[in-house]
């Protein structure tokens, strides 16, 4: 730890580097800027207009091919119930089980249970 200045100390405290802000000075006084998501929420009644539009497409109130109605249904389902979990199969070469090898920096050997042997 470097020198610590006290009230009557002759040791000086080093100045802050020029890229650091001074205490009490805010680097962003306006706060975090609004992103595109906040703007969309603000302009669409928190997304209610988007849902209303997609429901109109789904129900055929807006003319278009069946493909658009199906996309509207998928969009509404994803946002209403969440997207389905994506399953990923991970395996080794030629369908063999995946082998994991752990090497310890100090050269210790694995005890077979995933811990270095004592």
N, C-alpha and C. Protein backbone atom coordinates (compact mmCIF):
# COMPACT_ATOMS: atom_id res chain seq x y z
N UNK A 1 0.84 -1.16 0.00
CA UNK A 1 0.00 0.00 0.00
C UNK A 1 0.89 1.23 0.00
N UNK A 2 0.51 2.25 -0.76
CA UNK A 2 1.31 3.45 -0.90
C UNK A 2 1.16 4.36 0.31
N UNK A 3 1.82 5.51 0.28
CA UNK A 3 1.75 6.44 1.40
C UNK A 3 0.35 6.99 1.56
N UNK A 4 -0.03 7.17 2.83
CA UNK A 4 -1.34 7.71 3.16
C UNK A 4 -1.14 9.06 3.81
N UNK A 5 -1.79 10.09 3.28
CA UNK A 5 -1.64 11.43 3.84
C UNK A 5 -2.56 11.60 5.04
N UNK A 6 -2.05 12.21 6.07
CA UNK A 6 -2.87 12.55 7.22
C UNK A 6 -2.95 14.07 7.30
N UNK A 7 -3.68 14.59 8.27
CA UNK A 7 -3.93 16.03 8.36
C UNK A 7 -2.64 16.84 8.42
N UNK A 8 -1.69 16.43 9.23
CA UNK A 8 -0.46 17.19 9.41
C UNK A 8 0.74 16.52 8.75
N UNK A 9 0.48 15.65 7.81
CA UNK A 9 1.55 14.89 7.18
C UNK A 9 2.24 15.72 6.11
N UNK A 10 3.51 15.44 5.91
CA UNK A 10 4.27 16.08 4.85
C UNK A 10 4.21 15.26 3.56
N UNK A 11 3.61 14.05 3.66
CA UNK A 11 3.48 13.20 2.49
C UNK A 11 2.32 13.71 1.64
N UNK A 12 2.56 13.95 0.37
CA UNK A 12 1.49 14.44 -0.49
C UNK A 12 0.78 13.27 -1.18
N UNK A 13 -0.49 13.47 -1.42
CA UNK A 13 -1.29 12.47 -2.11
C UNK A 13 -1.16 12.74 -3.60
N UNK A 14 -0.85 11.70 -4.38
CA UNK A 14 -0.69 11.93 -5.82
C UNK A 14 -2.01 12.39 -6.44
N UNK A 15 -1.93 13.24 -7.46
CA UNK A 15 -3.13 13.73 -8.15
C UNK A 15 -3.74 12.61 -8.98
N UNK A 16 -5.03 12.77 -9.25
CA UNK A 16 -5.72 11.79 -10.10
C UNK A 16 -5.21 11.92 -11.53
N UNK A 17 -5.14 10.82 -12.23
CA UNK A 17 -4.80 10.90 -13.65
C UNK A 17 -5.86 11.74 -14.37
N UNK A 18 -5.50 12.41 -15.44
CA UNK A 18 -6.43 13.31 -16.12
C UNK A 18 -7.67 12.62 -16.68
N UNK A 19 -7.62 11.31 -16.91
CA UNK A 19 -8.78 10.62 -17.48
C UNK A 19 -9.80 10.23 -16.41
N UNK A 20 -9.48 10.35 -15.13
CA UNK A 20 -10.43 10.03 -14.07
C UNK A 20 -11.23 11.27 -13.69
N UNK A 21 -12.51 11.07 -13.38
CA UNK A 21 -13.37 12.18 -12.99
C UNK A 21 -13.08 12.58 -11.55
N UNK A 22 -13.22 13.84 -11.30
CA UNK A 22 -13.03 14.36 -9.94
C UNK A 22 -14.21 13.94 -9.08
N UNK A 23 -14.01 13.79 -7.76
CA UNK A 23 -15.13 13.42 -6.88
C UNK A 23 -16.25 14.45 -6.98
N UNK A 24 -17.48 13.97 -7.08
CA UNK A 24 -18.65 14.84 -7.14
C UNK A 24 -18.99 15.32 -8.54
N UNK A 25 -18.20 14.96 -9.55
CA UNK A 25 -18.47 15.38 -10.92
C UNK A 25 -19.03 14.18 -11.67
N UNK A 26 -20.23 14.33 -12.23
CA UNK A 26 -20.85 13.24 -12.96
C UNK A 26 -20.39 13.23 -14.41
N UNK A 27 -19.97 12.08 -14.92
CA UNK A 27 -19.56 12.01 -16.32
C UNK A 27 -20.76 12.06 -17.27
N UNK A 28 -21.97 11.80 -16.76
CA UNK A 28 -23.16 11.78 -17.60
C UNK A 28 -24.32 12.39 -16.83
N UNK A 29 -24.36 13.71 -16.71
CA UNK A 29 -25.38 14.35 -15.88
C UNK A 29 -26.81 14.12 -16.36
N UNK A 30 -27.00 13.82 -17.64
CA UNK A 30 -28.35 13.58 -18.17
C UNK A 30 -28.82 12.16 -17.92
N UNK A 31 -27.99 11.32 -17.35
CA UNK A 31 -28.36 9.93 -17.13
C UNK A 31 -28.09 9.09 -18.37
N UNK A 32 -28.44 7.84 -18.27
CA UNK A 32 -28.22 6.92 -19.38
C UNK A 32 -29.12 7.31 -20.55
N UNK A 33 -28.58 7.37 -21.77
CA UNK A 33 -29.42 7.76 -22.91
C UNK A 33 -30.47 6.69 -23.20
N UNK A 34 -31.63 7.13 -23.69
CA UNK A 34 -32.68 6.18 -24.04
C UNK A 34 -32.24 5.38 -25.25
N UNK A 35 -32.44 4.10 -25.18
CA UNK A 35 -32.10 3.23 -26.29
C UNK A 35 -33.31 3.04 -27.19
N UNK A 36 -33.14 2.24 -28.21
CA UNK A 36 -34.21 1.99 -29.17
C UNK A 36 -35.38 1.29 -28.48
N UNK A 37 -35.10 0.40 -27.54
CA UNK A 37 -36.18 -0.33 -26.86
C UNK A 37 -37.06 0.64 -26.07
N UNK A 38 -36.43 1.58 -25.37
CA UNK A 38 -37.22 2.56 -24.61
C UNK A 38 -38.05 3.43 -25.54
N UNK A 39 -37.49 3.80 -26.68
CA UNK A 39 -38.22 4.62 -27.64
C UNK A 39 -39.42 3.87 -28.20
N UNK A 40 -39.24 2.60 -28.54
CA UNK A 40 -40.35 1.80 -29.06
C UNK A 40 -41.45 1.67 -28.00
N UNK A 41 -41.07 1.40 -26.75
CA UNK A 41 -42.08 1.30 -25.68
C UNK A 41 -42.84 2.61 -25.53
N UNK A 42 -42.12 3.70 -25.59
CA UNK A 42 -42.73 5.01 -25.42
C UNK A 42 -43.70 5.33 -26.56
N UNK A 43 -43.34 4.99 -27.78
CA UNK A 43 -44.15 5.34 -28.96
C UNK A 43 -45.28 4.35 -29.24
N UNK A 44 -45.30 3.18 -28.59
CA UNK A 44 -46.32 2.17 -28.89
C UNK A 44 -47.12 1.78 -27.66
N UNK A 45 -47.28 2.71 -26.71
CA UNK A 45 -48.05 2.44 -25.49
C UNK A 45 -47.54 1.18 -24.81
N UNK A 46 -46.24 1.13 -24.59
CA UNK A 46 -45.56 0.01 -23.95
C UNK A 46 -45.76 -1.31 -24.71
N UNK A 47 -45.86 -1.20 -26.04
CA UNK A 47 -45.96 -2.38 -26.91
C UNK A 47 -47.39 -2.80 -27.20
N UNK A 48 -48.38 -2.15 -26.59
CA UNK A 48 -49.78 -2.54 -26.79
C UNK A 48 -50.19 -2.38 -28.26
N UNK A 49 -49.73 -1.33 -28.92
CA UNK A 49 -50.07 -1.13 -30.33
C UNK A 49 -49.47 -2.21 -31.21
N UNK A 50 -48.28 -2.67 -30.88
CA UNK A 50 -47.66 -3.75 -31.65
C UNK A 50 -48.48 -5.03 -31.52
N UNK A 51 -48.89 -5.33 -30.31
CA UNK A 51 -49.69 -6.54 -30.08
C UNK A 51 -51.02 -6.42 -30.82
N UNK A 52 -51.65 -5.25 -30.75
CA UNK A 52 -52.93 -5.04 -31.44
C UNK A 52 -52.77 -5.24 -32.95
N UNK A 53 -51.68 -4.70 -33.51
CA UNK A 53 -51.42 -4.86 -34.94
C UNK A 53 -51.26 -6.34 -35.30
N UNK A 54 -50.45 -7.05 -34.52
CA UNK A 54 -50.21 -8.46 -34.82
C UNK A 54 -51.48 -9.29 -34.65
N UNK A 55 -52.32 -8.92 -33.69
CA UNK A 55 -53.60 -9.62 -33.53
C UNK A 55 -54.50 -9.37 -34.74
N UNK A 56 -54.48 -8.16 -35.27
CA UNK A 56 -55.25 -7.87 -36.49
C UNK A 56 -54.77 -8.72 -37.65
N UNK A 57 -53.45 -8.86 -37.79
CA UNK A 57 -52.89 -9.70 -38.86
C UNK A 57 -53.32 -11.15 -38.64
N UNK A 58 -53.19 -11.63 -37.43
CA UNK A 58 -53.54 -13.01 -37.11
C UNK A 58 -55.01 -13.29 -37.42
N UNK A 59 -55.87 -12.36 -37.09
CA UNK A 59 -57.32 -12.56 -37.26
C UNK A 59 -57.81 -12.22 -38.66
N UNK A 60 -56.90 -11.82 -39.54
CA UNK A 60 -57.27 -11.55 -40.93
C UNK A 60 -57.88 -10.19 -41.15
N UNK A 61 -57.81 -9.29 -40.19
CA UNK A 61 -58.36 -7.94 -40.36
C UNK A 61 -57.48 -7.10 -41.29
N UNK A 62 -56.25 -7.51 -41.48
CA UNK A 62 -55.35 -6.85 -42.43
C UNK A 62 -55.06 -7.88 -43.52
N UNK A 63 -55.25 -7.49 -44.73
CA UNK A 63 -55.11 -8.41 -45.85
C UNK A 63 -53.66 -8.82 -46.05
N UNK A 64 -53.48 -10.09 -46.29
CA UNK A 64 -52.14 -10.61 -46.55
C UNK A 64 -52.19 -12.12 -46.64
N UNK A 65 -51.10 -12.72 -47.09
CA UNK A 65 -51.07 -14.18 -47.23
C UNK A 65 -51.08 -14.89 -45.86
N UNK A 66 -51.43 -16.17 -45.92
CA UNK A 66 -51.47 -16.99 -44.71
C UNK A 66 -50.12 -16.99 -44.00
N UNK A 67 -49.03 -16.89 -44.76
CA UNK A 67 -47.69 -16.88 -44.17
C UNK A 67 -47.56 -15.75 -43.16
N UNK A 68 -48.10 -14.56 -43.47
CA UNK A 68 -48.02 -13.44 -42.55
C UNK A 68 -48.84 -13.70 -41.29
N UNK A 69 -49.98 -14.37 -41.46
CA UNK A 69 -50.80 -14.71 -40.28
C UNK A 69 -50.06 -15.69 -39.37
N UNK A 70 -49.36 -16.64 -39.99
CA UNK A 70 -48.59 -17.61 -39.20
C UNK A 70 -47.42 -16.93 -38.48
N UNK A 71 -46.77 -15.99 -39.15
CA UNK A 71 -45.67 -15.26 -38.51
C UNK A 71 -46.20 -14.42 -37.35
N UNK A 72 -47.38 -13.84 -37.52
CA UNK A 72 -47.98 -13.06 -36.43
C UNK A 72 -48.29 -13.96 -35.25
N UNK A 73 -48.80 -15.16 -35.52
CA UNK A 73 -49.10 -16.10 -34.44
C UNK A 73 -47.82 -16.49 -33.70
N UNK A 74 -46.74 -16.75 -34.44
CA UNK A 74 -45.47 -17.12 -33.81
C UNK A 74 -44.93 -15.96 -32.98
N UNK A 75 -45.02 -14.73 -33.52
CA UNK A 75 -44.55 -13.54 -32.81
C UNK A 75 -45.30 -13.38 -31.50
N UNK A 76 -46.62 -13.50 -31.55
CA UNK A 76 -47.42 -13.35 -30.33
C UNK A 76 -47.13 -14.47 -29.32
N UNK A 77 -47.00 -15.69 -29.80
CA UNK A 77 -46.71 -16.81 -28.89
C UNK A 77 -45.35 -16.65 -28.24
N UNK A 78 -44.34 -16.23 -29.01
CA UNK A 78 -43.00 -16.05 -28.45
C UNK A 78 -43.01 -15.00 -27.34
N UNK A 79 -43.74 -13.92 -27.54
CA UNK A 79 -43.75 -12.86 -26.55
C UNK A 79 -44.71 -13.13 -25.41
N UNK A 80 -45.75 -13.88 -25.68
CA UNK A 80 -46.73 -14.18 -24.63
C UNK A 80 -46.32 -15.34 -23.74
N UNK A 81 -45.66 -16.33 -24.33
CA UNK A 81 -45.32 -17.53 -23.56
C UNK A 81 -43.83 -17.83 -23.53
N UNK A 82 -43.04 -17.04 -24.24
CA UNK A 82 -41.59 -17.27 -24.28
C UNK A 82 -41.23 -18.21 -25.41
N UNK A 83 -40.03 -18.05 -25.90
CA UNK A 83 -39.57 -18.91 -26.99
C UNK A 83 -39.24 -20.29 -26.44
N UNK A 84 -39.46 -21.33 -27.24
CA UNK A 84 -39.14 -22.67 -26.76
C UNK A 84 -37.63 -22.83 -26.56
N UNK A 85 -37.27 -23.68 -25.63
CA UNK A 85 -35.86 -23.93 -25.33
C UNK A 85 -35.23 -24.65 -26.51
N UNK A 86 -34.05 -24.18 -26.92
CA UNK A 86 -33.33 -24.82 -28.01
C UNK A 86 -32.47 -25.94 -27.44
N UNK A 87 -32.65 -27.13 -27.98
CA UNK A 87 -31.85 -28.27 -27.52
C UNK A 87 -30.63 -28.41 -28.39
N UNK A 88 -29.51 -28.68 -27.77
CA UNK A 88 -28.26 -28.83 -28.49
C UNK A 88 -27.61 -30.15 -28.09
N UNK A 89 -27.38 -31.00 -29.07
CA UNK A 89 -26.71 -32.27 -28.81
C UNK A 89 -25.21 -32.07 -28.96
N UNK A 90 -24.47 -32.41 -27.91
CA UNK A 90 -23.02 -32.27 -27.94
C UNK A 90 -22.42 -33.66 -27.76
N UNK A 91 -21.55 -34.02 -28.65
CA UNK A 91 -20.93 -35.33 -28.56
C UNK A 91 -19.51 -35.29 -29.09
N UNK A 92 -18.83 -36.38 -28.90
CA UNK A 92 -17.46 -36.49 -29.37
C UNK A 92 -17.42 -36.88 -30.84
N UNK A 93 -16.26 -37.26 -31.28
CA UNK A 93 -16.04 -37.65 -32.67
C UNK A 93 -16.80 -38.93 -32.97
N UNK A 94 -17.46 -38.99 -34.12
CA UNK A 94 -18.18 -40.18 -34.62
C UNK A 94 -19.21 -40.69 -33.61
N UNK A 95 -19.89 -39.79 -32.92
CA UNK A 95 -20.95 -40.19 -32.01
C UNK A 95 -20.50 -40.70 -30.66
N UNK A 96 -19.21 -40.68 -30.42
CA UNK A 96 -18.69 -41.14 -29.13
C UNK A 96 -19.01 -40.10 -28.06
N UNK A 97 -18.99 -40.52 -26.78
CA UNK A 97 -19.21 -39.53 -25.71
C UNK A 97 -18.13 -38.46 -25.74
N UNK A 98 -18.49 -37.27 -25.30
CA UNK A 98 -17.55 -36.16 -25.27
C UNK A 98 -16.55 -36.39 -24.14
N UNK A 99 -15.27 -36.33 -24.47
CA UNK A 99 -14.22 -36.50 -23.48
C UNK A 99 -13.73 -35.14 -23.03
N UNK A 100 -13.62 -34.95 -21.71
CA UNK A 100 -13.13 -33.70 -21.15
C UNK A 100 -11.85 -34.01 -20.39
N UNK A 101 -10.80 -33.29 -20.72
CA UNK A 101 -9.51 -33.51 -20.07
C UNK A 101 -9.17 -32.26 -19.27
N UNK A 102 -8.86 -32.43 -17.99
CA UNK A 102 -8.51 -31.32 -17.12
C UNK A 102 -7.03 -31.45 -16.78
N UNK A 103 -6.31 -30.36 -17.05
CA UNK A 103 -4.91 -30.34 -16.68
C UNK A 103 -4.72 -29.25 -15.64
N UNK A 104 -4.07 -29.59 -14.55
CA UNK A 104 -3.82 -28.64 -13.47
C UNK A 104 -2.47 -27.97 -13.68
N UNK A 105 -2.40 -26.70 -13.37
CA UNK A 105 -1.17 -25.94 -13.58
C UNK A 105 0.00 -26.51 -12.79
N UNK A 106 -0.29 -27.09 -11.62
CA UNK A 106 0.81 -27.62 -10.80
C UNK A 106 1.15 -29.07 -11.14
N UNK A 107 0.50 -29.61 -12.19
CA UNK A 107 0.82 -30.97 -12.63
C UNK A 107 0.10 -32.06 -11.84
N UNK A 108 -0.81 -31.71 -10.94
CA UNK A 108 -1.54 -32.71 -10.16
C UNK A 108 -2.38 -33.57 -11.09
N UNK A 109 -2.66 -34.79 -10.67
CA UNK A 109 -3.47 -35.72 -11.45
C UNK A 109 -4.90 -35.73 -10.92
N UNK A 110 -5.84 -35.97 -11.82
CA UNK A 110 -7.24 -36.05 -11.46
C UNK A 110 -7.50 -37.37 -10.72
N UNK A 111 -8.33 -37.33 -9.67
CA UNK A 111 -8.63 -38.54 -8.91
C UNK A 111 -9.76 -39.34 -9.52
N UNK A 112 -10.31 -38.89 -10.64
CA UNK A 112 -11.41 -39.59 -11.30
C UNK A 112 -12.75 -39.00 -10.96
N UNK A 113 -12.84 -38.20 -9.91
CA UNK A 113 -14.09 -37.57 -9.52
C UNK A 113 -14.07 -36.08 -9.86
N UNK A 114 -13.07 -35.64 -10.59
CA UNK A 114 -12.99 -34.24 -10.97
C UNK A 114 -12.18 -33.38 -10.03
N UNK A 115 -11.49 -34.01 -9.09
CA UNK A 115 -10.67 -33.24 -8.14
C UNK A 115 -9.24 -33.71 -8.22
N UNK A 116 -8.28 -32.85 -7.94
CA UNK A 116 -6.89 -33.29 -7.94
C UNK A 116 -6.66 -34.32 -6.83
N UNK A 117 -5.92 -35.34 -7.14
CA UNK A 117 -5.62 -36.36 -6.13
C UNK A 117 -4.75 -35.75 -5.04
N UNK A 118 -5.04 -36.14 -3.82
CA UNK A 118 -4.30 -35.59 -2.66
C UNK A 118 -2.93 -36.20 -2.57
